[in-house]
Amino acid sequence: MQITLNGEKREFGETQTVSELVQTLHLSGQRIAVELNKEIVRKKDWESTVLSEADKIEIVHFVGGG
C-alpha cells in the first residue's frame, strides 16, 4: 500500500490502522497529531481508523517551550 506521509510517498506492506502506523514509525508515546486526508484524527479513533491506498497523512510533533 502506498501513502503520502508528510509530503513523501511511502510504501507499507499491508492495510493498517493509524495506530499501527504510529507504532511502525516508532512514535508511540510521543505528543503528536495525525491528519488524514486533511482531517484531524482523534487519538481515541486511531485504532479504528483504517488507512487506504493513496491516503495523505501528516504527522506533527508538539513542541513545548516559550
PDB file of N, CA and C in Angstrom:
ATOM      1  N   MET A   1       0.843  -1.167   0.000  1.00  0.00           N
ATOM      2  CA  MET A   1       0.000   0.000   0.000  1.00  0.00           C
ATOM      3  C   MET A   1       0.890   1.233   0.000  1.00  0.00           C
ATOM      4  N   GLN A   2       0.590   2.188  -0.876  1.00  0.00           N
ATOM      5  CA  GLN A   2       1.372   3.421  -0.938  1.00  0.00           C
ATOM      6  C   GLN A   2       0.541   4.573  -0.377  1.00  0.00           C
ATOM      7  N   ILE A   3       1.166   5.319   0.553  1.00  0.00           N
ATOM      8  CA  ILE A   3       0.536   6.509   1.112  1.00  0.00           C
ATOM      9  C   ILE A   3       1.525   7.665   1.008  1.00  0.00           C
ATOM     10  N   THR A   4       1.021   8.865   1.170  1.00  0.00           N
ATOM     11  CA  THR A   4       1.894  10.034   1.226  1.00  0.00           C
ATOM     12  C   THR A   4       1.974  10.450   2.689  1.00  0.00           C
ATOM     13  N   LEU A   5       3.179  10.395   3.236  1.00  0.00           N
ATOM     14  CA  LEU A   5       3.400  10.701   4.643  1.00  0.00           C
ATOM     15  C   LEU A   5       4.265  11.952   4.737  1.00  0.00           C
ATOM     16  N   ASN A   6       3.690  13.017   5.279  1.00  0.00           N
ATOM     17  CA  ASN A   6       4.380  14.306   5.395  1.00  0.00           C
ATOM     18  C   ASN A   6       5.000  14.729   4.058  1.00  0.00           C
ATOM     19  N   GLY A   7       4.213  14.570   2.994  1.00  0.00           N
ATOM     20  CA  GLY A   7       4.635  15.023   1.673  1.00  0.00           C
ATOM     21  C   GLY A   7       5.509  14.057   0.894  1.00  0.00           C
ATOM     22  N   GLU A   8       5.840  12.907   1.476  1.00  0.00           N
ATOM     23  CA  GLU A   8       6.722  11.937   0.826  1.00  0.00           C
ATOM     24  C   GLU A   8       5.981  10.625   0.598  1.00  0.00           C
ATOM     25  N   LYS A   9       6.019  10.126  -0.643  1.00  0.00           N
ATOM     26  CA  LYS A   9       5.365   8.835  -0.930  1.00  0.00           C
ATOM     27  C   LYS A   9       6.134   7.718  -0.240  1.00  0.00           C
ATOM     28  N   ARG A  10       5.386   6.872   0.474  1.00  0.00           N
ATOM     29  CA  ARG A  10       5.995   5.759   1.215  1.00  0.00           C
ATOM     30  C   ARG A  10       5.199   4.499   0.946  1.00  0.00           C
ATOM     31  N   GLU A  11       5.888   3.378   0.955  1.00  0.00           N
ATOM     32  CA  GLU A  11       5.271   2.074   0.726  1.00  0.00           C
ATOM     33  C   GLU A  11       5.181   1.322   2.045  1.00  0.00           C
ATOM     34  N   PHE A  12       3.999   0.786   2.341  1.00  0.00           N
ATOM     35  CA  PHE A  12       3.790  -0.040   3.528  1.00  0.00           C
ATOM     36  C   PHE A  12       3.188  -1.359   3.073  1.00  0.00           C
ATOM     37  N   GLY A  13       3.564  -2.426   3.746  1.00  0.00           N
ATOM     38  CA  GLY A  13       3.218  -3.774   3.319  1.00  0.00           C
ATOM     39  C   GLY A  13       1.752  -4.113   3.228  1.00  0.00           C
ATOM     40  N   GLU A  14       0.955  -3.698   4.188  1.00  0.00           N
ATOM     41  CA  GLU A  14      -0.440  -4.118   4.209  1.00  0.00           C
ATOM     42  C   GLU A  14      -1.300  -3.001   4.778  1.00  0.00           C
ATOM     43  N   THR A  15      -2.589  -3.182   4.629  1.00  0.00           N
ATOM     44  CA  THR A  15      -3.522  -2.217   5.196  1.00  0.00           C
ATOM     45  C   THR A  15      -3.335  -2.187   6.703  1.00  0.00           C
ATOM     46  N   GLN A  16      -3.306  -1.005   7.252  1.00  0.00           N
ATOM     47  CA  GLN A  16      -3.126  -0.880   8.687  1.00  0.00           C
ATOM     48  C   GLN A  16      -3.914   0.307   9.205  1.00  0.00           C
ATOM     49  N   THR A  17      -4.001   0.391  10.514  1.00  0.00           N
ATOM     50  CA  THR A  17      -4.698   1.499  11.149  1.00  0.00           C
ATOM     51  C   THR A  17      -3.713   2.634  11.424  1.00  0.00           C
ATOM     52  N   VAL A  18      -4.258   3.777  11.790  1.00  0.00           N
ATOM     53  CA  VAL A  18      -3.408   4.910  12.178  1.00  0.00           C
ATOM     54  C   VAL A  18      -2.542   4.503  13.364  1.00  0.00           C
ATOM     55  N   SER A  19      -3.118   3.796  14.313  1.00  0.00           N
ATOM     56  CA  SER A  19      -2.375   3.349  15.499  1.00  0.00           C
ATOM     57  C   SER A  19      -1.185   2.469  15.112  1.00  0.00           C
ATOM     58  N   GLU A  20      -1.389   1.541  14.193  1.00  0.00           N
ATOM     59  CA  GLU A  20      -0.302   0.669  13.740  1.00  0.00           C
ATOM     60  C   GLU A  20       0.778   1.459  13.003  1.00  0.00           C
ATOM     61  N   LEU A  21       0.366   2.455  12.224  1.00  0.00           N
ATOM     62  CA  LEU A  21       1.335   3.298  11.524  1.00  0.00           C
ATOM     63  C   LEU A  21       2.203   4.050  12.531  1.00  0.00           C
ATOM     64  N   VAL A  22       1.578   4.616  13.558  1.00  0.00           N
ATOM     65  CA  VAL A  22       2.316   5.345  14.593  1.00  0.00           C
ATOM     66  C   VAL A  22       3.331   4.418  15.265  1.00  0.00           C
ATOM     67  N   GLN A  23       2.932   3.173  15.533  1.00  0.00           N
ATOM     68  CA  GLN A  23       3.852   2.204  16.137  1.00  0.00           C
ATOM     69  C   GLN A  23       4.975   1.848  15.173  1.00  0.00           C
ATOM     70  N   THR A  24       4.655   1.631  13.906  1.00  0.00           N
ATOM     71  CA  THR A  24       5.660   1.298  12.894  1.00  0.00           C
ATOM     72  C   THR A  24       6.713   2.405  12.782  1.00  0.00           C
ATOM     73  N   LEU A  25       6.283   3.640  12.937  1.00  0.00           N
ATOM     74  CA  LEU A  25       7.195   4.790  12.826  1.00  0.00           C
ATOM     75  C   LEU A  25       7.890   5.104  14.147  1.00  0.00           C
ATOM     76  N   HIS A  26       7.659   4.275  15.164  1.00  0.00           N
ATOM     77  CA  HIS A  26       8.263   4.437  16.494  1.00  0.00           C
ATOM     78  C   HIS A  26       7.917   5.787  17.119  1.00  0.00           C
ATOM     79  N   LEU A  27       6.653   6.179  16.976  1.00  0.00           N
ATOM     80  CA  LEU A  27       6.196   7.448  17.528  1.00  0.00           C
ATOM     81  C   LEU A  27       5.256   7.262  18.712  1.00  0.00           C
ATOM     82  N   SER A  28       5.051   6.020  19.132  1.00  0.00           N
ATOM     83  CA  SER A  28       4.167   5.747  20.271  1.00  0.00           C
ATOM     84  C   SER A  28       4.679   6.472  21.502  1.00  0.00           C
ATOM     85  N   GLY A  29       3.760   7.037  22.265  1.00  0.00           N
ATOM     86  CA  GLY A  29       4.130   7.706  23.495  1.00  0.00           C
ATOM     87  C   GLY A  29       4.576   9.147  23.315  1.00  0.00           C
ATOM     88  N   GLN A  30       4.732   9.574  22.078  1.00  0.00           N
ATOM     89  CA  GLN A  30       5.132  10.953  21.831  1.00  0.00           C
ATOM     90  C   GLN A  30       3.881  11.815  21.638  1.00  0.00           C
ATOM     91  N   ARG A  31       4.024  13.094  21.860  1.00  0.00           N
ATOM     92  CA  ARG A  31       2.911  14.023  21.684  1.00  0.00           C
ATOM     93  C   ARG A  31       2.845  14.412  20.219  1.00  0.00           C
ATOM     94  N   ILE A  32       1.918  13.781  19.503  1.00  0.00           N
ATOM     95  CA  ILE A  32       1.777  14.032  18.072  1.00  0.00           C
ATOM     96  C   ILE A  32       0.310  14.246  17.722  1.00  0.00           C
ATOM     97  N   ALA A  33       0.095  14.845  16.578  1.00  0.00           N
ATOM     98  CA  ALA A  33      -1.244  14.961  15.992  1.00  0.00           C
ATOM     99  C   ALA A  33      -1.184  14.311  14.616  1.00  0.00           C
ATOM    100  N   VAL A  34      -2.275  13.654  14.236  1.00  0.00           N
ATOM    101  CA  VAL A  34      -2.328  12.971  12.947  1.00  0.00           C
ATOM    102  C   VAL A  34      -3.470  13.561  12.126  1.00  0.00           C
ATOM    103  N   GLU A  35      -3.130  13.947  10.901  1.00  0.00           N
ATOM    104  CA  GLU A  35      -4.119  14.453   9.959  1.00  0.00           C
ATOM    105  C   GLU A  35      -4.205  13.447   8.811  1.00  0.00           C
ATOM    106  N   LEU A  36      -5.400  12.999   8.505  1.00  0.00           N
ATOM    107  CA  LEU A  36      -5.627  12.037   7.429  1.00  0.00           C
ATOM    108  C   LEU A  36      -6.525  12.689   6.383  1.00  0.00           C
ATOM    109  N   ASN A  37      -5.987  12.863   5.198  1.00  0.00           N
ATOM    110  CA  ASN A  37      -6.733  13.496   4.103  1.00  0.00           C
ATOM    111  C   ASN A  37      -7.361  14.819   4.539  1.00  0.00           C
ATOM    112  N   LYS A  38      -6.545  15.639   5.196  1.00  0.00           N
ATOM    113  CA  LYS A  38      -6.893  16.999   5.626  1.00  0.00           C
ATOM    114  C   LYS A  38      -7.897  17.050   6.776  1.00  0.00           C
ATOM    115  N   GLU A  39      -8.065  15.939   7.505  1.00  0.00           N
ATOM    116  CA  GLU A  39      -8.931  15.936   8.677  1.00  0.00           C
ATOM    117  C   GLU A  39      -8.160  15.359   9.854  1.00  0.00           C
ATOM    118  N   ILE A  40      -8.239  16.033  10.997  1.00  0.00           N
ATOM    119  CA  ILE A  40      -7.559  15.557  12.204  1.00  0.00           C
ATOM    120  C   ILE A  40      -8.229  14.269  12.681  1.00  0.00           C
ATOM    121  N   VAL A  41      -7.401  13.285  13.030  1.00  0.00           N
ATOM    122  CA  VAL A  41      -7.909  12.031  13.590  1.00  0.00           C
ATOM    123  C   VAL A  41      -7.665  12.080  15.094  1.00  0.00           C
ATOM    124  N   ARG A  42      -8.734  11.989  15.870  1.00  0.00           N
ATOM    125  CA  ARG A  42      -8.600  11.998  17.327  1.00  0.00           C
ATOM    126  C   ARG A  42      -7.856  10.755  17.782  1.00  0.00           C
ATOM    127  N   LYS A  43      -7.062  10.909  18.815  1.00  0.00           N
ATOM    128  CA  LYS A  43      -6.261   9.784  19.307  1.00  0.00           C
ATOM    129  C   LYS A  43      -7.129   8.584  19.668  1.00  0.00           C
ATOM    130  N   LYS A  44      -8.303   8.838  20.214  1.00  0.00           N
ATOM    131  CA  LYS A  44      -9.197   7.736  20.587  1.00  0.00           C
ATOM    132  C   LYS A  44      -9.693   6.954  19.363  1.00  0.00           C
ATOM    133  N   ASP A  45      -9.572   7.541  18.168  1.00  0.00           N
ATOM    134  CA  ASP A  45     -10.022   6.887  16.936  1.00  0.00           C
ATOM    135  C   ASP A  45      -8.898   6.230  16.139  1.00  0.00           C
ATOM    136  N   TRP A  46      -7.658   6.354  16.610  1.00  0.00           N
ATOM    137  CA  TRP A  46      -6.526   5.806  15.861  1.00  0.00           C
ATOM    138  C   TRP A  46      -6.659   4.314  15.595  1.00  0.00           C
ATOM    139  N   GLU A  47      -7.106   3.557  16.593  1.00  0.00           N
ATOM    140  CA  GLU A  47      -7.184   2.095  16.429  1.00  0.00           C
ATOM    141  C   GLU A  47      -8.255   1.668  15.438  1.00  0.00           C
ATOM    142  N   SER A  48      -9.289   2.457  15.269  1.00  0.00           N
ATOM    143  CA  SER A  48     -10.387   2.069  14.381  1.00  0.00           C
ATOM    144  C   SER A  48     -10.316   2.744  13.006  1.00  0.00           C
ATOM    145  N   THR A  49      -9.345   3.638  12.801  1.00  0.00           N
ATOM    146  CA  THR A  49      -9.214   4.335  11.523  1.00  0.00           C
ATOM    147  C   THR A  49      -8.249   3.579  10.621  1.00  0.00           C
ATOM    148  N   VAL A  50      -8.802   2.957   9.596  1.00  0.00           N
ATOM    149  CA  VAL A  50      -8.019   2.130   8.671  1.00  0.00           C
ATOM    150  C   VAL A  50      -7.515   2.994   7.515  1.00  0.00           C
ATOM    151  N   LEU A  51      -6.252   2.835   7.200  1.00  0.00           N
ATOM    152  CA  LEU A  51      -5.641   3.570   6.091  1.00  0.00           C
ATOM    153  C   LEU A  51      -5.925   2.860   4.768  1.00  0.00           C
ATOM    154  N   SER A  52      -5.991   3.635   3.697  1.00  0.00           N
ATOM    155  CA  SER A  52      -6.246   3.098   2.365  1.00  0.00           C
ATOM    156  C   SER A  52      -5.170   3.561   1.396  1.00  0.00           C
ATOM    157  N   GLU A  53      -5.069   2.886   0.285  1.00  0.00           N
ATOM    158  CA  GLU A  53      -4.141   3.250  -0.779  1.00  0.00           C
ATOM    159  C   GLU A  53      -4.315   4.719  -1.139  1.00  0.00           C
ATOM    160  N   ALA A  54      -3.204   5.433  -1.297  1.00  0.00           N
ATOM    161  CA  ALA A  54      -3.152   6.836  -1.728  1.00  0.00           C
ATOM    162  C   ALA A  54      -3.617   7.841  -0.673  1.00  0.00           C
ATOM    163  N   ASP A  55      -3.812   7.397   0.580  1.00  0.00           N
ATOM    164  CA  ASP A  55      -4.144   8.351   1.643  1.00  0.00           C
ATOM    165  C   ASP A  55      -3.007   9.340   1.821  1.00  0.00           C
ATOM    166  N   LYS A  56      -3.357  10.529   2.293  1.00  0.00           N
ATOM    167  CA  LYS A  56      -2.361  11.563   2.589  1.00  0.00           C
ATOM    168  C   LYS A  56      -2.382  11.813   4.090  1.00  0.00           C
ATOM    169  N   ILE A  57      -1.238  11.580   4.724  1.00  0.00           N
ATOM    170  CA  ILE A  57      -1.140  11.674   6.167  1.00  0.00           C
ATOM    171  C   ILE A  57      -0.074  12.693   6.532  1.00  0.00           C
ATOM    172  N   GLU A  58      -0.412  13.534   7.491  1.00  0.00           N
ATOM    173  CA  GLU A  58       0.553  14.468   8.064  1.00  0.00           C
ATOM    174  C   GLU A  58       0.635  14.152   9.556  1.00  0.00           C
ATOM    175  N   ILE A  59       1.845  14.001  10.051  1.00  0.00           N
ATOM    176  CA  ILE A  59       2.063  13.764  11.476  1.00  0.00           C
ATOM    177  C   ILE A  59       2.924  14.907  11.990  1.00  0.00           C
ATOM    178  N   VAL A  60       2.417  15.586  13.033  1.00  0.00           N
ATOM    179  CA  VAL A  60       3.120  16.731  13.588  1.00  0.00           C
ATOM    180  C   VAL A  60       3.427  16.473  15.050  1.00  0.00           C
ATOM    181  N   HIS A  61       4.640  16.845  15.457  1.00  0.00           N
ATOM    182  CA  HIS A  61       5.075  16.728  16.856  1.00  0.00           C
ATOM    183  C   HIS A  61       4.738  18.028  17.578  1.00  0.00           C
ATOM    184  N   PHE A  62       4.289  17.902  18.822  1.00  0.00           N
ATOM    185  CA  PHE A  62       4.081  19.084  19.660  1.00  0.00           C
ATOM    186  C   PHE A  62       5.396  19.435  20.318  1.00  0.00           C
ATOM    187  N   VAL A  63       5.729  20.697  20.295  1.00  0.00           N
ATOM    188  CA  VAL A  63       6.972  21.162  20.900  1.00  0.00           C
ATOM    189  C   VAL A  63       6.616  22.190  21.967  1.00  0.00           C
ATOM    190  N   GLY A  64       7.109  21.946  23.168  1.00  0.00           N
ATOM    191  CA  GLY A  64       6.856  22.881  24.267  1.00  0.00           C
ATOM    192  C   GLY A  64       7.934  23.937  24.338  1.00  0.00           C
ATOM    193  N   GLY A  65       7.676  24.927  25.117  1.00  0.00           N
ATOM    194  CA  GLY A  65       8.672  25.973  25.286  1.00  0.00           C
ATOM    195  C   GLY A  65       8.026  27.339  25.298  1.00  0.00           C
ATOM    196  N   GLY A  66       8.843  28.320  25.401  1.00  0.00           N
ATOM    197  CA  GLY A  66       8.235  29.632  25.463  1.00  0.00           C
ATOM    198  C   GLY A  66       9.149  30.723  25.013  1.00  0.00           C
TER     199      GLY A  66
END
